[in-house]
Amino acid sequence: MKPGTYTQLYVQLVFAVKNRNAILHPDIQKRVFEYTSGIITEMKHKSIIVNGVYNHIHIFIGLNPSISISDTVHAIKRSSSLFINKEKLCSNKFSWQEGYGAFTYSKSHIDNVYNYILNQAEHHKKTTFREEYIDFLKKFEIEYDERFLFDFLDDVRPLRSI
């Protein structure tokens, strides 16, 4: 960053697991989320919280403005997929779906966003990922085409990994 440049940019990233046979089982989530936080830190973003459930992930960061959101998501998806597959954390090949959501927040929203992401498991006892994601798109007034949304995998339930 150039001298005299000061920023305060908070972004929530959301993206989905691709293969319903390779989901984020509860017993691997902690390792995957910690590894993902490390990727974020190496990119010189501030990792605020990484959490999710079997079919998607939420990442809340303080954005380093010298790295684009799309480059950040690409690096996170690539590195975390390589890690999951190398460590054989899933019985099938793991990958993330194309696309992502990126939603910005002011400093006054940090606690609320943090707590929302922290409580994903509880939240998704009542709400599907599809409902949650479409609610984000509507709340942020983002135009979307249903044909290009995630394959939500809401009918998949996490099982213990083998």
Protein backbone atom coordinates (compact mmCIF):
# COMPACT_ATOMS: atom_id res chain seq x y z
CA MET A 1 0.00 0.00 0.00
CA LYS A 2 1.13 3.50 -0.71
CA PRO A 3 2.05 5.84 2.15
CA GLY A 4 -0.84 8.03 3.22
CA THR A 5 -3.45 5.44 2.17
CA TYR A 6 -5.96 4.52 4.87
CA THR A 7 -8.90 2.21 4.41
CA GLN A 8 -11.58 0.49 6.41
CA LEU A 9 -13.34 -2.03 4.17
CA TYR A 10 -15.35 -4.94 5.58
CA VAL A 11 -16.59 -7.66 3.24
CA GLN A 12 -18.52 -10.86 3.82
CA LEU A 13 -17.83 -13.54 1.20
CA VAL A 14 -20.16 -16.47 0.65
CA PHE A 15 -19.67 -19.44 -1.65
CA ALA A 16 -20.84 -23.00 -2.00
CA VAL A 17 -19.50 -26.54 -2.09
CA LYS A 18 -19.73 -28.10 -5.54
CA ASN A 19 -20.00 -31.85 -5.10
CA ARG A 20 -22.76 -33.30 -2.96
CA ASN A 21 -20.47 -36.31 -2.37
CA ALA A 22 -17.71 -34.11 -0.96
CA ILE A 23 -19.24 -31.78 1.59
CA LEU A 24 -17.82 -30.00 4.63
CA HIS A 25 -18.56 -32.58 7.32
CA PRO A 26 -18.65 -31.18 10.85
CA ASP A 27 -15.52 -33.14 11.79
CA ILE A 28 -13.38 -31.33 9.15
CA GLN A 29 -14.89 -27.86 9.34
CA LYS A 30 -12.54 -26.52 12.04
CA ARG A 31 -9.40 -27.52 10.07
CA VAL A 32 -10.79 -26.13 6.81
CA PHE A 33 -11.91 -22.86 8.38
CA GLU A 34 -8.57 -22.37 10.21
CA TYR A 35 -6.66 -23.09 7.00
CA THR A 36 -8.87 -20.63 5.12
CA SER A 37 -8.20 -17.97 7.76
CA GLY A 38 -4.48 -18.54 7.21
CA ILE A 39 -4.87 -17.97 3.45
CA ILE A 40 -6.65 -14.68 4.18
CA THR A 41 -3.93 -13.55 6.59
CA GLU A 42 -1.17 -14.43 4.10
CA MET A 43 -2.92 -12.19 1.57
CA LYS A 44 -2.65 -9.37 4.14
CA HIS A 45 -6.41 -9.17 4.67
CA LYS A 46 -7.75 -9.16 8.23
CA SER A 47 -9.48 -12.48 8.92
CA ILE A 48 -12.37 -11.63 11.24
CA ILE A 49 -14.27 -14.95 11.13
CA VAL A 50 -14.56 -17.99 8.86
CA ASN A 51 -17.45 -20.37 9.45
CA GLY A 52 -20.13 -22.27 7.64
CA VAL A 53 -21.99 -25.53 7.37
CA TYR A 54 -21.76 -28.62 5.18
CA ASN A 55 -22.73 -26.91 1.91
CA HIS A 56 -21.30 -23.37 2.10
CA ILE A 57 -18.89 -21.02 3.80
CA HIS A 58 -19.07 -17.45 5.13
CA ILE A 59 -15.89 -15.40 5.40
CA PHE A 60 -15.76 -11.96 6.99
CA ILE A 61 -12.63 -9.94 6.29
CA GLY A 62 -11.12 -6.52 6.60
CA LEU A 63 -10.18 -6.10 2.95
CA ASN A 64 -6.66 -5.25 1.83
CA PRO A 65 -7.51 -2.81 -0.99
CA SER A 66 -4.48 -3.78 -3.07
CA ILE A 67 -5.99 -7.24 -3.77
CA SER A 68 -9.32 -7.48 -5.57
CA ILE A 69 -12.24 -9.40 -4.15
CA SER A 70 -12.28 -11.73 -7.16
CA ASP A 71 -8.54 -12.49 -6.76
CA THR A 72 -9.11 -13.09 -3.05
CA VAL A 73 -11.96 -15.53 -3.66
CA HIS A 74 -9.99 -17.31 -6.38
CA ALA A 75 -6.99 -17.77 -4.05
CA ILE A 76 -9.15 -18.96 -1.16
CA LYS A 77 -11.04 -21.46 -3.31
CA ARG A 78 -7.92 -22.78 -5.02
CA SER A 79 -5.77 -23.13 -1.91
CA SER A 80 -8.49 -24.56 0.33
CA SER A 81 -9.54 -27.11 -2.32
CA LEU A 82 -5.93 -28.22 -2.75
CA PHE A 83 -5.58 -28.52 1.04
CA ILE A 84 -8.80 -30.53 1.47
CA ASN A 85 -7.88 -32.91 -1.36
CA LYS A 86 -4.22 -33.28 -0.35
CA GLU A 87 -5.20 -34.05 3.24
CA LYS A 88 -7.99 -36.38 2.00
CA LEU A 89 -10.51 -34.66 4.27
CA CYS A 90 -13.34 -35.76 1.96
CA SER A 91 -13.85 -39.24 0.53
CA ASN A 92 -14.54 -37.73 -2.91
CA LYS A 93 -12.77 -34.92 -4.80
CA PHE A 94 -13.62 -31.59 -3.19
CA SER A 95 -14.20 -28.33 -5.05
CA TRP A 96 -16.13 -25.10 -4.73
CA GLN A 97 -18.86 -24.01 -7.14
CA GLU A 98 -18.33 -21.17 -9.58
CA GLY A 99 -19.30 -17.75 -8.31
CA TYR A 100 -19.59 -16.08 -4.94
CA GLY A 101 -21.43 -13.38 -3.05
CA ALA A 102 -19.58 -10.37 -1.65
CA PHE A 103 -21.39 -8.01 0.69
CA THR A 104 -19.95 -4.88 2.29
CA TYR A 105 -20.55 -3.56 5.79
CA SER A 106 -19.69 -0.54 7.89
CA LYS A 107 -17.63 -0.75 11.08
CA SER A 108 -20.82 -0.48 13.16
CA HIS A 109 -22.02 -3.83 11.73
CA ILE A 110 -18.95 -5.90 12.65
CA ASP A 111 -20.41 -7.45 15.81
CA ASN A 112 -23.71 -8.36 14.17
CA VAL A 113 -22.05 -9.92 11.12
CA TYR A 114 -19.54 -11.75 13.30
CA ASN A 115 -22.29 -13.24 15.47
CA TYR A 116 -24.40 -14.14 12.45
CA ILE A 117 -21.50 -16.07 10.91
CA LEU A 118 -20.52 -17.62 14.25
CA ASN A 119 -24.03 -19.06 14.63
CA GLN A 120 -24.38 -20.61 11.16
CA ALA A 121 -25.23 -24.11 12.41
CA GLU A 122 -28.06 -22.79 14.54
CA HIS A 123 -29.28 -20.45 11.80
CA HIS A 124 -29.49 -23.27 9.27
CA LYS A 125 -31.73 -25.37 11.48
CA LYS A 126 -34.48 -22.94 10.40
CA THR A 127 -33.32 -21.53 7.06
CA THR A 128 -31.90 -23.20 3.96
CA PHE A 129 -28.81 -21.88 2.24
CA ARG A 130 -30.96 -20.99 -0.78
CA GLU A 131 -33.30 -18.88 1.37
CA GLU A 132 -30.38 -17.24 3.15
CA TYR A 133 -28.52 -16.39 -0.07
CA ILE A 134 -31.57 -14.98 -1.85
CA ASP A 135 -32.31 -12.92 1.28
CA PHE A 136 -28.79 -11.44 1.03
CA LEU A 137 -29.28 -10.61 -2.64
CA LYS A 138 -32.62 -8.92 -1.90
CA LYS A 139 -31.35 -7.08 1.21
CA PHE A 140 -28.41 -5.66 -0.76
CA GLU A 141 -30.68 -4.95 -3.77
CA ILE A 142 -28.60 -7.08 -6.12
CA GLU A 143 -30.28 -8.08 -9.35
CA TYR A 144 -29.87 -11.78 -10.08
CA ASP A 145 -30.99 -14.48 -12.47
CA GLU A 146 -32.12 -17.71 -10.76
CA ARG A 147 -30.49 -19.72 -13.57
CA PHE A 148 -27.08 -18.58 -12.40
CA LEU A 149 -27.43 -19.15 -8.68
CA PHE A 150 -25.65 -21.98 -6.86
CA ASP A 151 -26.76 -25.59 -6.91
CA PHE A 152 -27.68 -25.21 -3.26
CA LEU A 153 -27.43 -28.86 -2.13
CA ASP A 154 -30.04 -28.11 0.55
CA ASP A 155 -31.29 -31.68 0.32
CA VAL A 156 -27.91 -33.06 1.46
CA ARG A 157 -27.39 -33.64 5.16
CA PRO A 158 -23.94 -33.98 6.67
CA LEU A 159 -22.83 -37.47 7.62
CA ARG A 160 -19.72 -38.53 9.45
CA SER A 161 -16.79 -38.78 7.08
CA ILE A 162 -15.28 -42.16 6.41
